[in-house]
Amino acid sequence: MKHISTRTIGYDHIDIEAAKKYNMEVSNVTYSTASVANYTVMIILMALRKMKMIMKRADSWDYSLNDSIGLELENMTVGVVGTGAIGQKVIKNLSGFDCNIIAYDPFIKEEIKKYAKYVTLNELIEQSDIITFHVPANKDTYHIVRKETIKKMKDNVIIINTARGSVINTSDLIDALENGKIGACALDVIENELGLYYGDYKYKNIGNRELSILRDMPNVLLTPHMAFYTEQAVSDMVEHSITSIVASYNKKKNKFRIC
């Protein structure tokens, strides 16, 4: 084997050091940033307007207004953690809602300063009404959301994650949802989802206690790692993967190469 091409942006499922040891090339792909960015804004709005509860009630012919009053995005401070390609697109999308946007990334993007104010991660955690994550899975992003950081957050903060499940300590998240510190969350990813999402479990034991607990909470919106899943994004993934393999085979420059 000479080349591993993953049709994903993230490559934490590949042993890069082993690939280097055996002189194997590894490449990933990029795809439409609009797919995840638009999905992120959608679930932010759904969390603010309590859409999970409203839709469940409507399914049972309950059209009452009890406990269904929502919040408006323009009154919120949104903290965006990670200003890579997807994070930047999220910020630009949010700028049309007249909300206050702050951002954290170790690598500052000058263009984003037109839309958001860069702050430290601690400042973002303390000041945000909504925190949305757009970072890779690595040792620096592991469990950013945990008991210690949750304590610093505003009461009733809303947590959004369309990045990687390892960003959030799920057990600590559940505790904070149960005691009311976290007001709501919308998660397209969750810890230990490998081998779980993309399967049909309607007649099986899901085998994931934390996911089962979260699913039953009225203020938690869960989707099965599908924020990326649009026709354009999938087309990009296939095209870029093939382009990468051909470039490697022909010993040409490969912009998707990781090692």
C-alpha atoms as a PDB file:
ATOM      1  CA  MET A   1       0.000   0.000   0.000  1.00  0.00           C
ATOM      2  CA  LYS A   2       1.406   3.359  -1.073  1.00  0.00           C
ATOM      3  CA  HIS A   3      -1.413   5.816  -0.448  1.00  0.00           C
ATOM      4  CA  ILE A   4      -4.363   6.239   1.917  1.00  0.00           C
ATOM      5  CA  SER A   5      -6.997   8.716   0.770  1.00  0.00           C
ATOM      6  CA  THR A   6      -9.775   9.463   3.259  1.00  0.00           C
ATOM      7  CA  ARG A   7     -12.930  11.124   1.972  1.00  0.00           C
ATOM      8  CA  THR A   8     -13.159  13.229   5.117  1.00  0.00           C
ATOM      9  CA  ILE A   9     -11.641  16.463   6.384  1.00  0.00           C
ATOM     10  CA  GLY A  10     -10.696  14.869   9.696  1.00  0.00           C
ATOM     11  CA  TYR A  11      -8.008  12.202   9.663  1.00  0.00           C
ATOM     12  CA  ASP A  12      -7.734  11.312  13.356  1.00  0.00           C
ATOM     13  CA  HIS A  13      -8.850   7.765  12.440  1.00  0.00           C
ATOM     14  CA  ILE A  14      -5.550   7.225  10.577  1.00  0.00           C
ATOM     15  CA  ASP A  15      -2.245   6.467  12.328  1.00  0.00           C
ATOM     16  CA  ILE A  16      -0.126   9.174  10.710  1.00  0.00           C
ATOM     17  CA  GLU A  17       3.087   8.141  12.481  1.00  0.00           C
ATOM     18  CA  ALA A  18       2.706   4.560  11.256  1.00  0.00           C
ATOM     19  CA  ALA A  19       2.067   5.840   7.724  1.00  0.00           C
ATOM     20  CA  LYS A  20       5.278   7.885   7.864  1.00  0.00           C
ATOM     21  CA  LYS A  21       7.204   4.896   9.203  1.00  0.00           C
ATOM     22  CA  TYR A  22       6.163   2.771   6.219  1.00  0.00           C
ATOM     23  CA  ASN A  23       6.497   5.607   3.664  1.00  0.00           C
ATOM     24  CA  MET A  24       2.785   5.695   2.924  1.00  0.00           C
ATOM     25  CA  GLU A  25       1.199   8.905   1.701  1.00  0.00           C
ATOM     26  CA  VAL A  26      -1.977  10.064   3.431  1.00  0.00           C
ATOM     27  CA  SER A  27      -4.411  12.618   2.047  1.00  0.00           C
ATOM     28  CA  ASN A  28      -7.754  14.029   3.083  1.00  0.00           C
ATOM     29  CA  VAL A  29     -10.321  16.123   1.213  1.00  0.00           C
ATOM     30  CA  THR A  30     -12.074  19.438   1.430  1.00  0.00           C
ATOM     31  CA  TYR A  31     -15.699  20.009   0.546  1.00  0.00           C
ATOM     32  CA  SER A  32     -18.353  22.692   0.421  1.00  0.00           C
ATOM     33  CA  THR A  33     -18.100  24.716   3.631  1.00  0.00           C
ATOM     34  CA  ALA A  34     -21.724  25.771   3.142  1.00  0.00           C
ATOM     35  CA  SER A  35     -22.919  22.261   4.031  1.00  0.00           C
ATOM     36  CA  VAL A  36     -21.775  22.291   7.658  1.00  0.00           C
ATOM     37  CA  ALA A  37     -21.995  26.067   8.099  1.00  0.00           C
ATOM     38  CA  ASN A  38     -25.619  26.319   6.980  1.00  0.00           C
ATOM     39  CA  TYR A  39     -26.539  23.285   9.064  1.00  0.00           C
ATOM     40  CA  THR A  40     -24.902  24.891  12.089  1.00  0.00           C
ATOM     41  CA  VAL A  41     -26.961  28.059  11.768  1.00  0.00           C
ATOM     42  CA  MET A  42     -30.085  25.948  11.269  1.00  0.00           C
ATOM     43  CA  ILE A  43     -29.628  24.009  14.509  1.00  0.00           C
ATOM     44  CA  ILE A  44     -28.698  27.182  16.408  1.00  0.00           C
ATOM     45  CA  LEU A  45     -32.067  28.608  15.408  1.00  0.00           C
ATOM     46  CA  MET A  46     -33.817  25.331  16.227  1.00  0.00           C
ATOM     47  CA  ALA A  47     -32.288  25.332  19.715  1.00  0.00           C
ATOM     48  CA  LEU A  48     -33.252  28.964  20.304  1.00  0.00           C
ATOM     49  CA  ARG A  49     -36.849  28.366  19.204  1.00  0.00           C
ATOM     50  CA  LYS A  50     -37.265  25.001  20.999  1.00  0.00           C
ATOM     51  CA  MET A  51     -38.120  23.262  17.758  1.00  0.00           C
ATOM     52  CA  LYS A  52     -37.687  19.727  19.087  1.00  0.00           C
ATOM     53  CA  MET A  53     -40.447  20.272  21.623  1.00  0.00           C
ATOM     54  CA  ILE A  54     -42.682  22.196  19.209  1.00  0.00           C
ATOM     55  CA  MET A  55     -42.454  19.489  16.536  1.00  0.00           C
ATOM     56  CA  LYS A  56     -43.079  16.656  19.009  1.00  0.00           C
ATOM     57  CA  ARG A  57     -46.140  18.457  20.325  1.00  0.00           C
ATOM     58  CA  ALA A  58     -47.453  19.079  16.833  1.00  0.00           C
ATOM     59  CA  ASP A  59     -47.119  15.353  16.064  1.00  0.00           C
ATOM     60  CA  SER A  60     -49.537  14.646  18.924  1.00  0.00           C
ATOM     61  CA  TRP A  61     -51.935  17.485  18.010  1.00  0.00           C
ATOM     62  CA  ASP A  62     -50.734  19.667  20.900  1.00  0.00           C
ATOM     63  CA  TYR A  63     -50.697  23.247  19.624  1.00  0.00           C
ATOM     64  CA  SER A  64     -50.498  24.932  23.023  1.00  0.00           C
ATOM     65  CA  LEU A  65     -47.933  27.634  23.744  1.00  0.00           C
ATOM     66  CA  ASN A  66     -46.954  26.300  27.174  1.00  0.00           C
ATOM     67  CA  ASP A  67     -43.175  26.474  27.761  1.00  0.00           C
ATOM     68  CA  SER A  68     -42.474  26.985  24.052  1.00  0.00           C
ATOM     69  CA  ILE A  69     -41.458  30.651  24.053  1.00  0.00           C
ATOM     70  CA  GLY A  70     -38.172  31.100  22.214  1.00  0.00           C
ATOM     71  CA  LEU A  71     -35.198  33.442  22.073  1.00  0.00           C
ATOM     72  CA  GLU A  72     -33.967  35.749  19.296  1.00  0.00           C
ATOM     73  CA  LEU A  73     -30.510  35.395  17.819  1.00  0.00           C
ATOM     74  CA  GLU A  74     -29.941  39.129  17.458  1.00  0.00           C
ATOM     75  CA  ASN A  75     -29.993  39.445  21.261  1.00  0.00           C
ATOM     76  CA  MET A  76     -27.240  36.851  21.669  1.00  0.00           C
ATOM     77  CA  THR A  77     -23.457  36.778  21.856  1.00  0.00           C
ATOM     78  CA  VAL A  78     -22.294  33.836  19.763  1.00  0.00           C
ATOM     79  CA  GLY A  79     -18.847  32.398  20.417  1.00  0.00           C
ATOM     80  CA  VAL A  80     -17.270  30.566  17.480  1.00  0.00           C
ATOM     81  CA  VAL A  81     -14.433  28.238  18.475  1.00  0.00           C
ATOM     82  CA  GLY A  82     -12.290  27.616  15.414  1.00  0.00           C
ATOM     83  CA  THR A  83     -12.045  29.945  12.421  1.00  0.00           C
ATOM     84  CA  GLY A  84     -10.901  27.568   9.743  1.00  0.00           C
ATOM     85  CA  ALA A  85     -12.846  27.344   6.492  1.00  0.00           C
ATOM     86  CA  ILE A  86     -16.084  26.143   8.118  1.00  0.00           C
ATOM     87  CA  GLY A  87     -15.821  28.437  11.134  1.00  0.00           C
ATOM     88  CA  GLN A  88     -15.308  31.429   8.844  1.00  0.00           C
ATOM     89  CA  LYS A  89     -18.381  30.506   6.815  1.00  0.00           C
ATOM     90  CA  VAL A  90     -20.435  30.166  10.014  1.00  0.00           C
ATOM     91  CA  ILE A  91     -19.329  33.634  11.129  1.00  0.00           C
ATOM     92  CA  LYS A  92     -20.231  35.187   7.771  1.00  0.00           C
ATOM     93  CA  ASN A  93     -23.635  33.485   7.852  1.00  0.00           C
ATOM     94  CA  LEU A  94     -24.291  34.667  11.407  1.00  0.00           C
ATOM     95  CA  SER A  95     -23.336  38.240  10.556  1.00  0.00           C
ATOM     96  CA  GLY A  96     -26.662  38.617   8.754  1.00  0.00           C
ATOM     97  CA  PHE A  97     -28.581  38.016  11.990  1.00  0.00           C
ATOM     98  CA  ASP A  98     -27.246  41.129  13.772  1.00  0.00           C
ATOM     99  CA  CYS A  99     -25.915  39.106  16.705  1.00  0.00           C
ATOM    100  CA  ASN A 100     -22.685  39.866  18.527  1.00  0.00           C
ATOM    101  CA  ILE A 101     -19.999  37.449  17.308  1.00  0.00           C
ATOM    102  CA  ILE A 102     -16.773  36.646  19.120  1.00  0.00           C
ATOM    103  CA  ALA A 103     -14.230  34.063  18.009  1.00  0.00           C
ATOM    104  CA  TYR A 104     -11.245  32.086  19.175  1.00  0.00           C
ATOM    105  CA  ASP A 105      -8.533  30.448  17.113  1.00  0.00           C
ATOM    106  CA  PRO A 106      -4.771  30.254  17.680  1.00  0.00           C
ATOM    107  CA  PHE A 107      -4.368  31.456  14.087  1.00  0.00           C
ATOM    108  CA  ILE A 108      -6.124  34.781  13.560  1.00  0.00           C
ATOM    109  CA  LYS A 109      -7.735  35.451  10.169  1.00  0.00           C
ATOM    110  CA  GLU A 110      -7.659  39.169   9.379  1.00  0.00           C
ATOM    111  CA  GLU A 111     -10.698  38.985   7.091  1.00  0.00           C
ATOM    112  CA  ILE A 112     -12.855  37.660   9.932  1.00  0.00           C
ATOM    113  CA  LYS A 113     -12.212  40.767  12.019  1.00  0.00           C
ATOM    114  CA  LYS A 114     -14.829  42.494   9.828  1.00  0.00           C
ATOM    115  CA  TYR A 115     -17.477  40.203  11.295  1.00  0.00           C
ATOM    116  CA  ALA A 116     -16.208  39.019  14.688  1.00  0.00           C
ATOM    117  CA  LYS A 117     -13.968  40.059  17.552  1.00  0.00           C
ATOM    118  CA  TYR A 118     -11.164  37.675  18.439  1.00  0.00           C
ATOM    119  CA  VAL A 119     -10.895  36.876  22.158  1.00  0.00           C
ATOM    120  CA  THR A 120      -9.134  34.276  24.278  1.00  0.00           C
ATOM    121  CA  LEU A 121     -10.789  30.901  24.738  1.00  0.00           C
ATOM    122  CA  ASN A 122     -11.511  31.689  28.388  1.00  0.00           C
ATOM    123  CA  GLU A 123     -13.109  35.013  27.438  1.00  0.00           C
ATOM    124  CA  LEU A 124     -15.249  33.293  24.826  1.00  0.00           C
ATOM    125  CA  ILE A 125     -16.376  30.652  27.316  1.00  0.00           C
ATOM    126  CA  GLU A 126     -17.308  33.311  29.881  1.00  0.00           C
ATOM    127  CA  GLN A 127     -19.028  35.800  27.538  1.00  0.00           C
ATOM    128  CA  SER A 128     -21.013  33.659  25.085  1.00  0.00           C
ATOM    129  CA  ASP A 129     -24.736  32.916  25.171  1.00  0.00           C
ATOM    130  CA  ILE A 130     -24.164  30.344  22.421  1.00  0.00           C
ATOM    131  CA  ILE A 131     -20.916  28.440  21.834  1.00  0.00           C
ATOM    132  CA  THR A 132     -20.390  26.623  18.539  1.00  0.00           C
ATOM    133  CA  PHE A 133     -17.396  24.412  17.771  1.00  0.00           C
ATOM    134  CA  HIS A 134     -15.531  24.104  14.459  1.00  0.00           C
ATOM    135  CA  VAL A 135     -12.237  22.455  15.359  1.00  0.00           C
ATOM    136  CA  PRO A 136     -10.429  19.195  14.563  1.00  0.00           C
ATOM    137  CA  ALA A 137     -10.023  16.371  17.061  1.00  0.00           C
ATOM    138  CA  ASN A 138      -6.619  16.602  18.734  1.00  0.00           C
ATOM    139  CA  LYS A 139      -5.048  16.910  22.182  1.00  0.00           C
ATOM    140  CA  ASP A 140      -5.646  20.676  22.245  1.00  0.00           C
ATOM    141  CA  THR A 141      -9.383  20.394  21.572  1.00  0.00           C
ATOM    142  CA  TYR A 142     -10.068  17.284  23.676  1.00  0.00           C
ATOM    143  CA  HIS A 143     -12.830  17.987  26.225  1.00  0.00           C
ATOM    144  CA  ILE A 144     -12.858  21.762  25.851  1.00  0.00           C
ATOM    145  CA  VAL A 145     -16.323  21.434  27.350  1.00  0.00           C
ATOM    146  CA  ARG A 146     -15.884  19.796  30.748  1.00  0.00           C
ATOM    147  CA  LYS A 147     -16.881  20.406  34.346  1.00  0.00           C
ATOM    148  CA  GLU A 148     -14.250  23.113  34.905  1.00  0.00           C
ATOM    149  CA  THR A 149     -15.087  25.132  31.791  1.00  0.00           C
ATOM    150  CA  ILE A 150     -18.840  24.684  32.169  1.00  0.00           C
ATOM    151  CA  LYS A 151     -18.622  26.413  35.562  1.00  0.00           C
ATOM    152  CA  LYS A 152     -17.237  29.506  33.801  1.00  0.00           C
ATOM    153  CA  MET A 153     -20.046  29.652  31.242  1.00  0.00           C
ATOM    154  CA  LYS A 154     -23.116  31.840  31.452  1.00  0.00           C
ATOM    155  CA  ASP A 155     -26.208  30.303  32.989  1.00  0.00           C
ATOM    156  CA  ASN A 156     -28.486  28.791  30.311  1.00  0.00           C
ATOM    157  CA  VAL A 157     -25.693  28.754  27.723  1.00  0.00           C
ATOM    158  CA  ILE A 158     -26.478  26.902  24.490  1.00  0.00           C
ATOM    159  CA  ILE A 159     -23.857  24.446  23.186  1.00  0.00           C
ATOM    160  CA  ILE A 160     -23.605  23.598  19.472  1.00  0.00           C
ATOM    161  CA  ASN A 161     -21.257  20.940  18.089  1.00  0.00           C
ATOM    162  CA  THR A 162     -20.950  20.027  14.420  1.00  0.00           C
ATOM    163  CA  ALA A 163     -17.204  19.367  14.689  1.00  0.00           C
ATOM    164  CA  ARG A 164     -15.949  16.359  16.664  1.00  0.00           C
ATOM    165  CA  GLY A 165     -17.521  14.518  19.581  1.00  0.00           C
ATOM    166  CA  SER A 166     -14.296  14.517  21.596  1.00  0.00           C
ATOM    167  CA  VAL A 167     -14.596  18.288  22.083  1.00  0.00           C
ATOM    168  CA  ILE A 168     -17.234  17.663  24.778  1.00  0.00           C
ATOM    169  CA  ASN A 169     -17.076  15.512  27.901  1.00  0.00           C
ATOM    170  CA  THR A 170     -20.505  13.951  27.500  1.00  0.00           C
ATOM    171  CA  SER A 171     -20.917  12.945  31.131  1.00  0.00           C
ATOM    172  CA  ASP A 172     -20.198  16.496  32.318  1.00  0.00           C
ATOM    173  CA  LEU A 173     -22.538  17.868  29.644  1.00  0.00           C
ATOM    174  CA  ILE A 174     -25.378  15.665  30.904  1.00  0.00           C
ATOM    175  CA  ASP A 175     -24.772  16.796  34.488  1.00  0.00           C
ATOM    176  CA  ALA A 176     -24.927  20.456  33.411  1.00  0.00           C
ATOM    177  CA  LEU A 177     -28.127  19.876  31.431  1.00  0.00           C
ATOM    178  CA  GLU A 178     -29.725  18.126  34.386  1.00  0.00           C
ATOM    179  CA  ASN A 179     -28.824  20.866  36.870  1.00  0.00           C
ATOM    180  CA  GLY A 180     -29.884  23.626  34.460  1.00  0.00           C
ATOM    181  CA  LYS A 181     -26.489  25.284  33.960  1.00  0.00           C
ATOM    182  CA  ILE A 182     -26.672  24.517  30.231  1.00  0.00           C
ATOM    183  CA  GLY A 183     -29.975  25.642  28.754  1.00  0.00           C
ATOM    184  CA  ALA A 184     -29.913  23.594  25.558  1.00  0.00           C
ATOM    185  CA  CYS A 185     -27.613  21.925  23.103  1.00  0.00           C
ATOM    186  CA  ALA A 186     -27.634  20.730  19.513  1.00  0.00           C
ATOM    187  CA  LEU A 187     -25.169  17.982  18.667  1.00  0.00           C
ATOM    188  CA  ASP A 188     -24.415  16.495  15.270  1.00  0.00           C
ATOM    189  CA  VAL A 189     -21.507  14.571  16.799  1.00  0.00           C
ATOM    190  CA  ILE A 190     -20.961  12.780  20.100  1.00  0.00           C
ATOM    191  CA  GLU A 191     -18.127  11.008  21.892  1.00  0.00           C
ATOM    192  CA  ASN A 192     -17.580   7.367  20.953  1.00  0.00           C
ATOM    193  CA  GLU A 193     -19.892   7.516  17.944  1.00  0.00           C
ATOM    194  CA  LEU A 194     -17.638   5.291  15.825  1.00  0.00           C
ATOM    195  CA  GLY A 195     -19.596   2.215  14.779  1.00  0.00           C
ATOM    196  CA  LEU A 196     -22.850   3.755  15.981  1.00  0.00           C
ATOM    197  CA  TYR A 197     -23.964   6.430  13.564  1.00  0.00           C
ATOM    198  CA  TYR A 198     -25.089   5.414  10.055  1.00  0.00           C
ATOM    199  CA  GLY A 199     -26.616   2.165  11.337  1.00  0.00           C
ATOM    200  CA  ASP A 200     -30.302   1.254  11.744  1.00  0.00           C
ATOM    201  CA  TYR A 201     -30.992   0.485  15.416  1.00  0.00           C
ATOM    202  CA  LYS A 202     -34.754   0.877  15.642  1.00  0.00           C
ATOM    203  CA  TYR A 203     -35.212  -2.742  16.752  1.00  0.00           C
ATOM    204  CA  LYS A 204     -31.947  -3.039  18.692  1.00  0.00           C
ATOM    205  CA  ASN A 205     -30.425  -1.900  21.960  1.00  0.00           C
ATOM    206  CA  ILE A 206     -28.457   1.217  21.075  1.00  0.00           C
ATOM    207  CA  GLY A 207     -25.702   0.240  23.517  1.00  0.00           C
ATOM    208  CA  ASN A 208     -24.829   3.851  24.383  1.00  0.00           C
ATOM    209  CA  ARG A 209     -26.277   5.006  27.703  1.00  0.00           C
ATOM    210  CA  GLU A 210     -25.207   8.648  27.335  1.00  0.00           C
ATOM    211  CA  LEU A 211     -26.748   8.965  23.883  1.00  0.00           C
ATOM    212  CA  SER A 212     -29.990   7.467  25.206  1.00  0.00           C
ATOM    213  CA  ILE A 213     -30.081   9.982  28.067  1.00  0.00           C
ATOM    214  CA  LEU A 214     -29.453  12.928  25.746  1.00  0.00           C
ATOM    215  CA  ARG A 215     -32.051  11.763  23.230  1.00  0.00           C
ATOM    216  CA  ASP A 216     -34.788  11.848  25.854  1.00  0.00           C
ATOM    217  CA  MET A 217     -34.042  15.407  26.976  1.00  0.00           C
ATOM    218  CA  PRO A 218     -36.504  17.962  25.558  1.00  0.00           C
ATOM    219  CA  ASN A 219     -33.818  20.642  25.206  1.00  0.00           C
ATOM    220  CA  VAL A 220     -31.297  18.462  23.361  1.00  0.00           C
ATOM    221  CA  LEU A 221     -31.337  18.126  19.575  1.00  0.00           C
ATOM    222  CA  LEU A 222     -29.356  15.178  18.194  1.00  0.00           C
ATOM    223  CA  THR A 223     -28.537  14.379  14.581  1.00  0.00           C
ATOM    224  CA  PRO A 224     -26.311  11.493  13.383  1.00  0.00           C
ATOM    225  CA  HIS A 225     -23.181  13.253  12.072  1.00  0.00           C
ATOM    226  CA  MET A 226     -24.799  14.443   8.874  1.00  0.00           C
ATOM    227  CA  ALA A 227     -24.151  18.191   8.800  1.00  0.00           C
ATOM    228  CA  PHE A 228     -21.805  17.611   5.850  1.00  0.00           C
ATOM    229  CA  TYR A 229     -24.307  15.521   3.893  1.00  0.00           C
ATOM    230  CA  THR A 230     -25.336  17.521   0.835  1.00  0.00           C
ATOM    231  CA  GLU A 231     -25.112  16.628  -2.847  1.00  0.00           C
ATOM    232  CA  GLN A 232     -22.423  19.253  -3.418  1.00  0.00           C
ATOM    233  CA  ALA A 233     -20.299  18.177  -0.456  1.00  0.00           C
ATOM    234  CA  VAL A 234     -20.419  14.479  -1.362  1.00  0.00           C
ATOM    235  CA  SER A 235     -19.513  15.313  -4.967  1.00  0.00           C
ATOM    236  CA  ASP A 236     -16.549  17.347  -3.717  1.00  0.00           C
ATOM    237  CA  MET A 237     -15.400  14.506  -1.460  1.00  0.00           C
ATOM    238  CA  VAL A 238     -15.369  11.966  -4.279  1.00  0.00           C
ATOM    239  CA  GLU A 239     -13.725  14.329  -6.771  1.00  0.00           C
ATOM    240  CA  HIS A 240     -10.994  15.476  -4.392  1.00  0.00           C
ATOM    241  CA  SER A 241     -10.234  11.937  -3.250  1.00  0.00           C
ATOM    242  CA  ILE A 242      -9.768  10.746  -6.832  1.00  0.00           C
ATOM    243  CA  THR A 243      -7.753  13.856  -7.726  1.00  0.00           C
ATOM    244  CA  SER A 244      -5.473  13.161  -4.774  1.00  0.00           C
ATOM    245  CA  ILE A 245      -4.874   9.531  -5.742  1.00  0.00           C
ATOM    246  CA  VAL A 246      -4.148  10.434  -9.384  1.00  0.00           C
ATOM    247  CA  ALA A 247      -1.710  13.168  -8.330  1.00  0.00           C
ATOM    248  CA  SER A 248       0.098  10.725  -6.061  1.00  0.00           C
ATOM    249  CA  TYR A 249       0.232   8.041  -8.759  1.00  0.00           C
ATOM    250  CA  ASN A 250       1.678  10.512 -11.268  1.00  0.00           C
ATOM    251  CA  LYS A 251       4.100  11.894  -8.654  1.00  0.00           C
ATOM    252  CA  LYS A 252       2.678  15.385  -9.007  1.00  0.00           C
ATOM    253  CA  LYS A 253       2.047  18.017  -6.354  1.00  0.00           C
ATOM    254  CA  ASN A 254      -0.917  16.981  -4.215  1.00  0.00           C
ATOM    255  CA  LYS A 255      -2.618  19.821  -2.336  1.00  0.00           C
ATOM    256  CA  PHE A 256      -4.587  17.316  -0.244  1.00  0.00           C
ATOM    257  CA  ARG A 257      -1.520  15.462   1.030  1.00  0.00           C
ATOM    258  CA  ILE A 258      -1.054  15.290   4.814  1.00  0.00           C
ATOM    259  CA  CYS A 259       2.161  13.266   4.879  1.00  0.00           C
END
